[in-house]
Amino acid sequence: MLLTFVSLLTTAAAPEETELLNRAVNGDREAFGEIARTYEKRVFRVARRMCSCDDDAWDITQEAFMRAMKAMGKFNTDYRFFTWMYRIVTNTAINHSRARSRRSEVEFDESYGTSGVTAVADTAVAEMDKDLLVTAVQNAVERLSPPLRAVFVLRVDQELSYEEIAESLNIALGTVMSRLNRARAAVKAFVTAELGGEL
């Protein structure tokens, strides 16, 4: 089990990516730019799930890459870049969320709703109107506190393992499981109340 966990963290990147990472760690901005282009869409998706609109998600994505570029000299190339980057983008999104004085209306795409439905719904819900359910799940996720939302999004949307989430957020594995259970319970309770039924 420990060997599996360690191999998850130390799985070598492709030789081209390893070369780029080594160059970026040594201050090569062009190499970092190539890495950023490779991960931009994945990072944006994480940011988008953590905030309420595309504009904010792009701001968070850019800020996260700027923070990563500044800290690149500290990156350990023995570990996966995406795990390190997800930690940065998630923390940036949480900070952004805390800084906002008011929240704007949620604009999630259809794919997230479907993922969230899978995570919180059972077969009894399958017959309900999916549009109502998707909207209820989206609203529930938006209401989660940033720490719960981060774990929920990384697990449900990004499909990271518990170990990868723990590494990304720099929290204990037990904390990941606890937060995920609390997030799922909160989403289920909100959706149940919203739809006036039982899940």
N, C-alpha and C. Protein backbone atom coordinates (compact mmCIF):
# COMPACT_ATOMS: atom_id res chain seq x y z
N MET A 1 0.84 -1.20 0.00
CA MET A 1 0.00 0.00 0.00
C MET A 1 0.87 1.25 0.00
N LEU A 2 1.88 1.28 0.89
CA LEU A 2 2.76 2.44 0.95
C LEU A 2 3.52 2.58 -0.36
N LEU A 3 3.93 1.46 -0.94
CA LEU A 3 4.64 1.50 -2.21
C LEU A 3 3.76 2.11 -3.30
N THR A 4 2.48 1.75 -3.31
CA THR A 4 1.55 2.31 -4.28
C THR A 4 1.42 3.81 -4.09
N PHE A 5 1.29 4.25 -2.84
CA PHE A 5 1.17 5.67 -2.55
C PHE A 5 2.43 6.42 -3.00
N VAL A 6 3.59 5.87 -2.67
CA VAL A 6 4.84 6.52 -3.07
C VAL A 6 4.96 6.55 -4.58
N SER A 7 4.57 5.46 -5.25
CA SER A 7 4.67 5.46 -6.71
C SER A 7 3.71 6.45 -7.34
N LEU A 8 2.56 6.69 -6.71
CA LEU A 8 1.65 7.72 -7.21
C LEU A 8 2.31 9.09 -7.18
N LEU A 9 3.04 9.33 -6.11
CA LEU A 9 3.66 10.64 -5.95
C LEU A 9 4.91 10.81 -6.79
N THR A 10 5.57 9.71 -7.07
CA THR A 10 6.86 9.83 -7.74
C THR A 10 6.85 9.30 -9.17
N THR A 11 5.68 9.04 -9.71
CA THR A 11 5.60 8.58 -11.09
C THR A 11 6.31 9.59 -11.99
N ALA A 12 7.26 9.09 -12.72
CA ALA A 12 8.07 9.99 -13.54
C ALA A 12 7.25 10.59 -14.67
N ALA A 13 7.55 11.83 -14.95
CA ALA A 13 6.91 12.51 -16.08
C ALA A 13 7.56 12.02 -17.36
N ALA A 14 6.93 12.30 -18.48
CA ALA A 14 7.52 11.98 -19.78
C ALA A 14 8.87 12.67 -19.87
N PRO A 15 9.81 12.08 -20.61
CA PRO A 15 11.15 12.68 -20.69
C PRO A 15 11.14 14.15 -21.13
N GLU A 16 10.26 14.50 -22.09
CA GLU A 16 10.20 15.89 -22.54
C GLU A 16 9.75 16.80 -21.40
N GLU A 17 8.75 16.33 -20.64
CA GLU A 17 8.25 17.14 -19.53
C GLU A 17 9.30 17.25 -18.43
N THR A 18 10.00 16.17 -18.16
CA THR A 18 11.06 16.21 -17.15
C THR A 18 12.11 17.24 -17.53
N GLU A 19 12.47 17.25 -18.80
CA GLU A 19 13.45 18.23 -19.30
C GLU A 19 12.93 19.65 -19.10
N LEU A 20 11.66 19.89 -19.46
CA LEU A 20 11.06 21.22 -19.28
C LEU A 20 11.02 21.61 -17.81
N LEU A 21 10.63 20.65 -16.96
CA LEU A 21 10.56 20.94 -15.52
C LEU A 21 11.94 21.30 -14.97
N ASN A 22 12.95 20.56 -15.36
CA ASN A 22 14.31 20.87 -14.90
C ASN A 22 14.75 22.25 -15.36
N ARG A 23 14.44 22.57 -16.61
CA ARG A 23 14.80 23.91 -17.11
C ARG A 23 14.02 24.99 -16.36
N ALA A 24 12.73 24.75 -16.11
CA ALA A 24 11.90 25.74 -15.41
C ALA A 24 12.38 25.95 -13.98
N VAL A 25 12.76 24.86 -13.31
CA VAL A 25 13.28 24.97 -11.94
C VAL A 25 14.53 25.84 -11.92
N ASN A 26 15.30 25.79 -13.00
CA ASN A 26 16.53 26.58 -13.09
C ASN A 26 16.30 27.97 -13.67
N GLY A 27 15.03 28.40 -13.74
CA GLY A 27 14.72 29.77 -14.12
C GLY A 27 14.38 30.02 -15.57
N ASP A 28 14.26 28.99 -16.38
CA ASP A 28 13.94 29.15 -17.80
C ASP A 28 12.44 29.44 -17.95
N ARG A 29 12.11 30.70 -18.23
CA ARG A 29 10.70 31.11 -18.33
C ARG A 29 10.02 30.52 -19.56
N GLU A 30 10.77 30.32 -20.62
CA GLU A 30 10.20 29.72 -21.83
C GLU A 30 9.75 28.29 -21.54
N ALA A 31 10.56 27.55 -20.80
CA ALA A 31 10.19 26.18 -20.43
C ALA A 31 8.95 26.19 -19.54
N PHE A 32 8.89 27.14 -18.60
CA PHE A 32 7.71 27.23 -17.75
C PHE A 32 6.48 27.56 -18.58
N GLY A 33 6.64 28.42 -19.59
CA GLY A 33 5.52 28.76 -20.47
C GLY A 33 4.96 27.54 -21.18
N GLU A 34 5.84 26.65 -21.62
CA GLU A 34 5.38 25.42 -22.28
C GLU A 34 4.64 24.53 -21.30
N ILE A 35 5.15 24.44 -20.08
CA ILE A 35 4.47 23.65 -19.05
C ILE A 35 3.10 24.25 -18.76
N ALA A 36 3.04 25.57 -18.65
CA ALA A 36 1.77 26.25 -18.37
C ALA A 36 0.76 25.98 -19.48
N ARG A 37 1.20 26.01 -20.73
CA ARG A 37 0.29 25.73 -21.84
C ARG A 37 -0.23 24.29 -21.77
N THR A 38 0.62 23.38 -21.35
CA THR A 38 0.22 21.97 -21.23
C THR A 38 -0.88 21.78 -20.18
N TYR A 39 -0.77 22.50 -19.07
CA TYR A 39 -1.69 22.30 -17.95
C TYR A 39 -2.78 23.35 -17.85
N GLU A 40 -2.78 24.33 -18.72
CA GLU A 40 -3.71 25.46 -18.61
C GLU A 40 -5.18 25.03 -18.52
N LYS A 41 -5.61 24.13 -19.38
CA LYS A 41 -7.03 23.74 -19.39
C LYS A 41 -7.40 23.00 -18.11
N ARG A 42 -6.54 22.11 -17.65
CA ARG A 42 -6.83 21.37 -16.41
C ARG A 42 -6.88 22.32 -15.22
N VAL A 43 -5.96 23.25 -15.17
CA VAL A 43 -5.93 24.21 -14.06
C VAL A 43 -7.17 25.09 -14.12
N PHE A 44 -7.54 25.52 -15.32
CA PHE A 44 -8.75 26.34 -15.46
C PHE A 44 -9.98 25.58 -14.97
N ARG A 45 -10.08 24.29 -15.32
CA ARG A 45 -11.25 23.51 -14.88
C ARG A 45 -11.33 23.45 -13.35
N VAL A 46 -10.21 23.29 -12.69
CA VAL A 46 -10.22 23.30 -11.22
C VAL A 46 -10.66 24.67 -10.72
N ALA A 47 -10.09 25.72 -11.28
CA ALA A 47 -10.45 27.08 -10.86
C ALA A 47 -11.93 27.34 -11.11
N ARG A 48 -12.43 26.87 -12.24
CA ARG A 48 -13.84 27.11 -12.59
C ARG A 48 -14.79 26.44 -11.62
N ARG A 49 -14.40 25.28 -11.16
CA ARG A 49 -15.24 24.56 -10.20
C ARG A 49 -15.21 25.22 -8.82
N MET A 50 -14.20 26.01 -8.58
CA MET A 50 -14.04 26.64 -7.27
C MET A 50 -14.64 28.04 -7.22
N CYS A 51 -15.05 28.59 -8.34
CA CYS A 51 -15.60 29.95 -8.33
C CYS A 51 -16.88 30.00 -9.15
N SER A 52 -17.44 31.19 -9.25
CA SER A 52 -18.78 31.28 -9.83
C SER A 52 -18.85 31.71 -11.29
N CYS A 53 -17.74 32.08 -11.91
CA CYS A 53 -17.82 32.49 -13.32
C CYS A 53 -16.49 32.31 -14.03
N ASP A 54 -16.56 32.29 -15.36
CA ASP A 54 -15.36 32.09 -16.18
C ASP A 54 -14.32 33.19 -15.97
N ASP A 55 -14.76 34.44 -15.86
CA ASP A 55 -13.80 35.53 -15.69
C ASP A 55 -12.98 35.35 -14.42
N ASP A 56 -13.64 35.01 -13.32
CA ASP A 56 -12.92 34.76 -12.08
C ASP A 56 -11.99 33.56 -12.22
N ALA A 57 -12.45 32.53 -12.91
CA ALA A 57 -11.63 31.33 -13.10
C ALA A 57 -10.37 31.65 -13.89
N TRP A 58 -10.49 32.49 -14.92
CA TRP A 58 -9.29 32.88 -15.68
C TRP A 58 -8.34 33.70 -14.81
N ASP A 59 -8.90 34.59 -13.99
CA ASP A 59 -8.06 35.37 -13.07
C ASP A 59 -7.31 34.45 -12.11
N ILE A 60 -8.03 33.49 -11.56
CA ILE A 60 -7.42 32.54 -10.62
C ILE A 60 -6.36 31.70 -11.33
N THR A 61 -6.66 31.26 -12.54
CA THR A 61 -5.71 30.46 -13.32
C THR A 61 -4.42 31.24 -13.56
N GLN A 62 -4.56 32.49 -14.00
CA GLN A 62 -3.38 33.31 -14.26
C GLN A 62 -2.59 33.56 -12.98
N GLU A 63 -3.30 33.90 -11.90
CA GLU A 63 -2.61 34.15 -10.64
C GLU A 63 -1.90 32.90 -10.13
N ALA A 64 -2.55 31.75 -10.28
CA ALA A 64 -1.94 30.49 -9.85
C ALA A 64 -0.67 30.20 -10.63
N PHE A 65 -0.69 30.41 -11.95
CA PHE A 65 0.52 30.19 -12.74
C PHE A 65 1.61 31.20 -12.39
N MET A 66 1.22 32.42 -12.08
CA MET A 66 2.23 33.41 -11.67
C MET A 66 2.88 32.98 -10.36
N ARG A 67 2.06 32.51 -9.42
CA ARG A 67 2.60 32.03 -8.14
C ARG A 67 3.51 30.82 -8.35
N ALA A 68 3.08 29.93 -9.24
CA ALA A 68 3.88 28.74 -9.53
C ALA A 68 5.22 29.13 -10.15
N MET A 69 5.19 30.10 -11.07
CA MET A 69 6.43 30.53 -11.72
C MET A 69 7.40 31.11 -10.68
N LYS A 70 6.86 31.91 -9.75
CA LYS A 70 7.72 32.50 -8.71
C LYS A 70 8.30 31.43 -7.78
N ALA A 71 7.53 30.37 -7.54
CA ALA A 71 7.96 29.33 -6.61
C ALA A 71 8.62 28.14 -7.31
N MET A 72 8.77 28.21 -8.61
CA MET A 72 9.25 27.06 -9.39
C MET A 72 10.60 26.56 -8.91
N GLY A 73 11.44 27.44 -8.44
CA GLY A 73 12.76 27.03 -7.95
C GLY A 73 12.68 26.08 -6.77
N LYS A 74 11.54 26.05 -6.08
CA LYS A 74 11.36 25.18 -4.92
C LYS A 74 10.72 23.84 -5.30
N PHE A 75 10.27 23.72 -6.56
CA PHE A 75 9.59 22.50 -6.98
C PHE A 75 10.56 21.33 -7.02
N ASN A 76 10.14 20.19 -6.46
CA ASN A 76 10.94 18.97 -6.46
C ASN A 76 10.53 18.14 -7.68
N THR A 77 11.43 18.01 -8.63
CA THR A 77 11.11 17.33 -9.89
C THR A 77 10.90 15.82 -9.72
N ASP A 78 11.10 15.30 -8.52
CA ASP A 78 10.80 13.88 -8.27
C ASP A 78 9.30 13.64 -8.14
N TYR A 79 8.53 14.71 -7.98
CA TYR A 79 7.09 14.60 -7.77
C TYR A 79 6.34 15.08 -9.00
N ARG A 80 5.06 14.76 -9.04
CA ARG A 80 4.21 15.15 -10.16
C ARG A 80 3.95 16.66 -10.13
N PHE A 81 4.07 17.28 -11.27
CA PHE A 81 3.82 18.72 -11.37
C PHE A 81 2.35 19.03 -11.13
N PHE A 82 1.43 18.21 -11.68
CA PHE A 82 0.02 18.56 -11.56
C PHE A 82 -0.45 18.56 -10.11
N THR A 83 0.10 17.68 -9.29
CA THR A 83 -0.28 17.66 -7.87
C THR A 83 0.13 18.96 -7.20
N TRP A 84 1.33 19.40 -7.47
CA TRP A 84 1.83 20.67 -6.92
C TRP A 84 1.01 21.85 -7.45
N MET A 85 0.73 21.83 -8.74
CA MET A 85 -0.02 22.93 -9.36
C MET A 85 -1.45 22.98 -8.85
N TYR A 86 -2.08 21.82 -8.67
CA TYR A 86 -3.46 21.81 -8.15
C TYR A 86 -3.52 22.39 -6.75
N ARG A 87 -2.50 22.13 -5.97
CA ARG A 87 -2.45 22.72 -4.63
C ARG A 87 -2.41 24.24 -4.74
N ILE A 88 -1.61 24.75 -5.64
CA ILE A 88 -1.49 26.20 -5.82
C ILE A 88 -2.81 26.79 -6.31
N VAL A 89 -3.41 26.19 -7.33
CA VAL A 89 -4.65 26.76 -7.88
C VAL A 89 -5.79 26.65 -6.87
N THR A 90 -5.85 25.58 -6.13
CA THR A 90 -6.90 25.43 -5.12
C THR A 90 -6.75 26.48 -4.02
N ASN A 91 -5.53 26.66 -3.54
CA ASN A 91 -5.30 27.68 -2.51
C ASN A 91 -5.58 29.08 -3.05
N THR A 92 -5.22 29.34 -4.29
CA THR A 92 -5.50 30.64 -4.91
C THR A 92 -7.00 30.86 -5.00
N ALA A 93 -7.73 29.84 -5.39
CA ALA A 93 -9.19 29.95 -5.49
C ALA A 93 -9.83 30.18 -4.13
N ILE A 94 -9.34 29.49 -3.11
CA ILE A 94 -9.86 29.69 -1.76
C ILE A 94 -9.60 31.11 -1.30
N ASN A 95 -8.40 31.61 -1.53
CA ASN A 95 -8.07 32.99 -1.16
C ASN A 95 -8.94 33.98 -1.92
N HIS A 96 -9.17 33.71 -3.19
CA HIS A 96 -10.01 34.58 -4.01
C HIS A 96 -11.44 34.60 -3.47
N SER A 97 -11.93 33.44 -3.10
CA SER A 97 -13.29 33.33 -2.57
C SER A 97 -13.44 34.11 -1.27
N ARG A 98 -12.44 34.02 -0.42
CA ARG A 98 -12.48 34.74 0.85
C ARG A 98 -12.43 36.25 0.64
N ALA A 99 -11.73 36.67 -0.40
CA ALA A 99 -11.54 38.10 -0.65
C ALA A 99 -12.79 38.76 -1.24
N ARG A 100 -13.60 37.99 -1.88
CA ARG A 100 -14.81 38.57 -2.52
C ARG A 100 -15.82 38.96 -1.46
N SER A 101 -16.35 40.14 -1.57
CA SER A 101 -17.33 40.60 -0.58
C SER A 101 -18.72 40.08 -0.86
N ARG A 102 -18.99 39.79 -2.10
CA ARG A 102 -20.30 39.24 -2.41
C ARG A 102 -20.14 38.18 -3.49
N ARG A 103 -21.08 37.30 -3.53
CA ARG A 103 -21.02 36.22 -4.52
C ARG A 103 -21.94 36.52 -5.68
N SER A 104 -21.48 36.14 -6.87
CA SER A 104 -22.34 36.31 -8.04
C SER A 104 -23.07 34.99 -8.31
N GLU A 105 -24.02 35.04 -9.21
CA GLU A 105 -24.83 33.86 -9.50
C GLU A 105 -23.98 32.76 -10.12
N VAL A 106 -24.32 31.55 -9.78
CA VAL A 106 -23.56 30.39 -10.24
C VAL A 106 -23.82 30.13 -11.72
N GLU A 107 -22.73 29.90 -12.47
CA GLU A 107 -22.83 29.54 -13.89
C GLU A 107 -21.97 28.31 -14.14
N PHE A 108 -22.51 27.17 -13.86
CA PHE A 108 -21.77 25.93 -14.06
C PHE A 108 -22.16 25.34 -15.41
N ASP A 109 -21.26 24.59 -16.00
CA ASP A 109 -21.61 23.91 -17.23
C ASP A 109 -22.26 22.56 -16.92
N GLU A 110 -22.88 21.98 -17.91
CA GLU A 110 -23.65 20.75 -17.73
C GLU A 110 -22.79 19.58 -17.25
N SER A 111 -21.53 19.54 -17.67
CA SER A 111 -20.70 18.39 -17.32
C SER A 111 -20.45 18.30 -15.83
N TYR A 112 -20.33 19.41 -15.14
CA TYR A 112 -20.10 19.35 -13.70
C TYR A 112 -21.31 18.78 -13.00
N GLY A 113 -22.49 19.24 -13.41
CA GLY A 113 -23.71 18.75 -12.78
C GLY A 113 -23.82 17.24 -12.88
N THR A 114 -23.49 16.71 -14.01
CA THR A 114 -23.56 15.27 -14.19
C THR A 114 -22.59 14.56 -13.26
N SER A 115 -21.37 15.08 -13.11
CA SER A 115 -20.40 14.49 -12.21
C SER A 115 -20.90 14.54 -10.78
N GLY A 116 -21.42 15.70 -10.38
CA GLY A 116 -21.92 15.86 -9.02
C GLY A 116 -23.09 14.94 -8.75
N VAL A 117 -23.95 14.75 -9.75
CA VAL A 117 -25.10 13.87 -9.59
C VAL A 117 -24.60 12.46 -9.29
N THR A 118 -23.60 12.02 -10.02
CA THR A 118 -23.06 10.69 -9.81
C THR A 118 -22.55 10.53 -8.39
N ALA A 119 -21.94 11.59 -7.84
CA ALA A 119 -21.34 11.50 -6.52
C ALA A 119 -22.36 11.47 -5.40
N VAL A 120 -23.52 12.10 -5.57
CA VAL A 120 -24.44 12.24 -4.45
C VAL A 120 -25.79 11.57 -4.63
N ALA A 121 -26.10 11.13 -5.82
CA ALA A 121 -27.44 10.60 -6.06
C ALA A 121 -27.42 9.09 -6.12
N ASP A 122 -28.53 8.47 -5.81
CA ASP A 122 -28.64 7.03 -5.94
C ASP A 122 -29.69 6.71 -7.01
N THR A 123 -30.02 5.45 -7.15
CA THR A 123 -30.91 5.05 -8.24
C THR A 123 -32.31 5.63 -8.13
N ALA A 124 -32.76 5.96 -6.94
CA ALA A 124 -34.10 6.54 -6.79
C ALA A 124 -34.21 7.90 -7.46
N VAL A 125 -33.09 8.60 -7.56
CA VAL A 125 -33.08 9.93 -8.14
C VAL A 125 -33.05 9.88 -9.66
N ALA A 126 -32.66 8.74 -10.21
CA ALA A 126 -32.47 8.62 -11.65
C ALA A 126 -33.71 8.99 -12.45
N GLU A 127 -34.88 8.83 -11.85
CA GLU A 127 -36.12 9.12 -12.56
C GLU A 127 -36.53 10.59 -12.45
N MET A 128 -35.88 11.36 -11.60
CA MET A 128 -36.24 12.77 -11.43
C MET A 128 -35.79 13.59 -12.64
N ASP A 129 -36.34 14.74 -12.75
CA ASP A 129 -35.95 15.65 -13.82
C ASP A 129 -34.49 16.04 -13.63
N LYS A 130 -33.63 15.63 -14.56
CA LYS A 130 -32.19 15.86 -14.41
C LYS A 130 -31.83 17.34 -14.36
N ASP A 131 -32.53 18.17 -15.09
CA ASP A 131 -32.21 19.59 -15.06
C ASP A 131 -32.38 20.18 -13.67
N LEU A 132 -33.46 19.81 -13.00
CA LEU A 132 -33.67 20.30 -11.63
C LEU A 132 -32.60 19.76 -10.69
N LEU A 133 -32.26 18.51 -10.86
CA LEU A 133 -31.25 17.89 -10.01
C LEU A 133 -29.88 18.51 -10.24
N VAL A 134 -29.52 18.70 -11.50
CA VAL A 134 -28.23 19.31 -11.83
C VAL A 134 -28.13 20.70 -11.21
N THR A 135 -29.17 21.50 -11.36
CA THR A 135 -29.17 22.85 -10.79
C THR A 135 -29.05 22.80 -9.28
N ALA A 136 -29.77 21.89 -8.65
CA ALA A 136 -29.72 21.77 -7.19
C ALA A 136 -28.32 21.37 -6.72
N VAL A 137 -27.69 20.43 -7.41
CA VAL A 137 -26.34 20.01 -7.04
C VAL A 137 -25.35 21.16 -7.23
N GLN A 138 -25.46 21.86 -8.34
CA GLN A 138 -24.57 23.00 -8.60
C GLN A 138 -24.70 24.05 -7.50
N ASN A 139 -25.93 24.36 -7.13
CA ASN A 139 -26.16 25.34 -6.07
C ASN A 139 -25.60 24.85 -4.74
N ALA A 140 -25.75 23.56 -4.48
CA ALA A 140 -25.24 22.99 -3.23
C ALA A 140 -23.73 23.08 -3.16
N VAL A 141 -23.05 22.77 -4.26
CA VAL A 141 -21.59 22.83 -4.28
C VAL A 141 -21.11 24.26 -4.07
N GLU A 142 -21.80 25.22 -4.67
CA GLU A 142 -21.42 26.63 -4.51
C GLU A 142 -21.54 27.07 -3.05
N ARG A 143 -22.46 26.46 -2.30
CA ARG A 143 -22.67 26.83 -0.90
C ARG A 143 -21.66 26.20 0.05
N LEU A 144 -20.92 25.21 -0.40
CA LEU A 144 -19.92 24.58 0.47
C LEU A 144 -18.85 25.58 0.86
N SER A 145 -18.29 25.41 2.04
CA SER A 145 -17.17 26.25 2.45
C SER A 145 -15.99 25.94 1.52
N PRO A 146 -15.07 26.88 1.33
CA PRO A 146 -13.95 26.63 0.41
C PRO A 146 -13.17 25.34 0.69
N PRO A 147 -12.86 25.00 1.96
CA PRO A 147 -12.13 23.73 2.17
C PRO A 147 -12.93 22.49 1.75
N LEU A 148 -14.24 22.49 2.03
CA LEU A 148 -15.06 21.35 1.62
C LEU A 148 -15.22 21.31 0.10
N ARG A 149 -15.42 22.47 -0.50
CA ARG A 149 -15.58 22.55 -1.95
C ARG A 149 -14.32 22.08 -2.65
N ALA A 150 -13.16 22.45 -2.13
CA ALA A 150 -11.89 22.05 -2.75
C ALA A 150 -11.78 20.53 -2.82
N VAL A 151 -12.03 19.86 -1.70
CA VAL A 151 -11.94 18.40 -1.67
C VAL A 151 -12.99 17.78 -2.58
N PHE A 152 -14.21 18.29 -2.54
CA PHE A 152 -15.30 17.76 -3.36
C PHE A 152 -14.98 17.89 -4.84
N VAL A 153 -14.53 19.05 -5.26
CA VAL A 153 -14.22 19.29 -6.67
C VAL A 153 -13.06 18.41 -7.14
N LEU A 154 -12.00 18.31 -6.33
CA LEU A 154 -10.85 17.51 -6.73
C LEU A 154 -11.22 16.03 -6.84
N ARG A 155 -12.13 15.56 -5.99
CA ARG A 155 -12.53 14.16 -6.04
C ARG A 155 -13.56 13.90 -7.14
N VAL A 156 -14.63 14.69 -7.16
CA VAL A 156 -15.75 14.42 -8.07
C VAL A 156 -15.43 14.87 -9.49
N ASP A 157 -14.92 16.08 -9.64
CA ASP A 157 -14.70 16.63 -10.97
C ASP A 157 -13.36 16.19 -11.56
N GLN A 158 -12.30 16.30 -10.78
CA GLN A 158 -10.97 15.97 -11.29
C GLN A 158 -10.62 14.50 -11.11
N GLU A 159 -11.44 13.78 -10.33
CA GLU A 159 -11.27 12.35 -10.11
C GLU A 159 -9.89 11.99 -9.55
N LEU A 160 -9.38 12.85 -8.67
CA LEU A 160 -8.12 12.54 -8.01
C LEU A 160 -8.37 11.52 -6.91
N SER A 161 -7.36 10.72 -6.61
CA SER A 161 -7.46 9.76 -5.50
C SER A 161 -7.39 10.53 -4.19
N TYR A 162 -7.76 9.87 -3.10
CA TYR A 162 -7.66 10.51 -1.79
C TYR A 162 -6.22 10.94 -1.50
N GLU A 163 -5.28 10.09 -1.88
CA GLU A 163 -3.87 10.39 -1.64
C GLU A 163 -3.43 11.63 -2.43
N GLU A 164 -3.87 11.72 -3.69
CA GLU A 164 -3.51 12.88 -4.51
C GLU A 164 -4.13 14.16 -3.97
N ILE A 165 -5.35 14.06 -3.46
CA ILE A 165 -6.00 15.24 -2.87
C ILE A 165 -5.24 15.67 -1.63
N ALA A 166 -4.87 14.71 -0.79
CA ALA A 166 -4.11 15.03 0.43
C ALA A 166 -2.81 15.74 0.07
N GLU A 167 -2.13 15.23 -0.93
CA GLU A 167 -0.87 15.84 -1.37
C GLU A 167 -1.11 17.22 -1.96
N SER A 168 -2.14 17.35 -2.79
CA SER A 168 -2.44 18.63 -3.44
C SER A 168 -2.76 19.72 -2.44
N LEU A 169 -3.52 19.38 -1.41
CA LEU A 169 -3.97 20.38 -0.45
C LEU A 169 -3.11 20.43 0.81
N ASN A 170 -2.13 19.53 0.88
CA ASN A 170 -1.23 19.46 2.04
C ASN A 170 -2.02 19.23 3.33
N ILE A 171 -2.92 18.25 3.27
CA ILE A 171 -3.71 17.87 4.45
C ILE A 171 -3.61 16.36 4.63
N ALA A 172 -3.95 15.90 5.82
CA ALA A 172 -3.89 14.47 6.13
C ALA A 172 -4.96 13.70 5.35
N LEU A 173 -4.67 12.44 5.08
CA LEU A 173 -5.60 11.58 4.37
C LEU A 173 -6.94 11.50 5.10
N GLY A 174 -6.90 11.40 6.42
CA GLY A 174 -8.13 11.37 7.21
C GLY A 174 -8.94 12.64 7.07
N THR A 175 -8.25 13.77 6.94
CA THR A 175 -8.94 15.05 6.75
C THR A 175 -9.64 15.07 5.39
N VAL A 176 -9.00 14.51 4.38
CA VAL A 176 -9.63 14.42 3.05
C VAL A 176 -10.92 13.63 3.15
N MET A 177 -10.86 12.47 3.78
CA MET A 177 -12.05 11.62 3.88
C MET A 177 -13.15 12.30 4.70
N SER A 178 -12.76 12.93 5.79
CA SER A 178 -13.73 13.63 6.63
C SER A 178 -14.40 14.77 5.88
N ARG A 179 -13.59 15.60 5.21
CA ARG A 179 -14.16 16.72 4.46
C ARG A 179 -15.04 16.25 3.31
N LEU A 180 -14.61 15.19 2.65
CA LEU A 180 -15.41 14.68 1.54
C LEU A 180 -16.75 14.15 2.04
N ASN A 181 -16.74 13.43 3.15
CA ASN A 181 -18.00 12.94 3.72
C ASN A 181 -18.90 14.09 4.13
N ARG A 182 -18.33 15.12 4.76
CA ARG A 182 -19.12 16.29 5.15
C ARG A 182 -19.66 17.01 3.93
N ALA A 183 -18.84 17.14 2.88
CA ALA A 183 -19.28 17.81 1.66
C ALA A 183 -20.42 17.03 1.01
N ARG A 184 -20.27 15.72 0.90
CA ARG A 184 -21.32 14.90 0.29
C ARG A 184 -22.62 14.99 1.10
N ALA A 185 -22.49 14.95 2.42
CA ALA A 185 -23.69 15.04 3.28
C ALA A 185 -24.37 16.40 3.11
N ALA A 186 -23.56 17.46 3.04
CA ALA A 186 -24.13 18.81 2.87
C ALA A 186 -24.81 18.95 1.52
N VAL A 187 -24.18 18.44 0.47
CA VAL A 187 -24.77 18.50 -0.87
C VAL A 187 -26.07 17.70 -0.89
N LYS A 188 -26.04 16.51 -0.32
CA LYS A 188 -27.24 15.67 -0.30
C LYS A 188 -28.37 16.35 0.48
N ALA A 189 -28.04 16.94 1.64
CA ALA A 189 -29.07 17.61 2.45
C ALA A 189 -29.67 18.80 1.70
N PHE A 190 -28.81 19.58 1.04
CA PHE A 190 -29.31 20.74 0.30
C PHE A 190 -30.20 20.30 -0.85
N VAL A 191 -29.74 19.30 -1.60
CA VAL A 191 -30.51 18.83 -2.76
C VAL A 191 -31.85 18.25 -2.30
N THR A 192 -31.83 17.50 -1.21
CA THR A 192 -33.07 16.93 -0.68
C THR A 192 -34.04 18.04 -0.31
N ALA A 193 -33.55 19.06 0.39
CA ALA A 193 -34.41 20.18 0.79
C ALA A 193 -34.90 20.96 -0.43
N GLU A 194 -34.01 21.16 -1.39
CA GLU A 194 -34.34 21.92 -2.59
C GLU A 194 -35.42 21.23 -3.42
N LEU A 195 -35.32 19.92 -3.51
CA LEU A 195 -36.26 19.17 -4.34
C LEU A 195 -37.45 18.64 -3.55
N GLY A 196 -37.41 18.83 -2.23
CA GLY A 196 -38.53 18.42 -1.40
C GLY A 196 -38.76 16.93 -1.38
N GLY A 197 -37.70 16.17 -1.51
CA GLY A 197 -37.83 14.72 -1.51
C GLY A 197 -36.69 14.08 -0.77
N GLU A 198 -36.58 12.80 -0.90
CA GLU A 198 -35.51 12.06 -0.25
C GLU A 198 -34.56 11.53 -1.29
N LEU A 199 -33.29 11.52 -0.95
CA LEU A 199 -32.28 10.92 -1.83
C LEU A 199 -31.88 9.58 -1.27
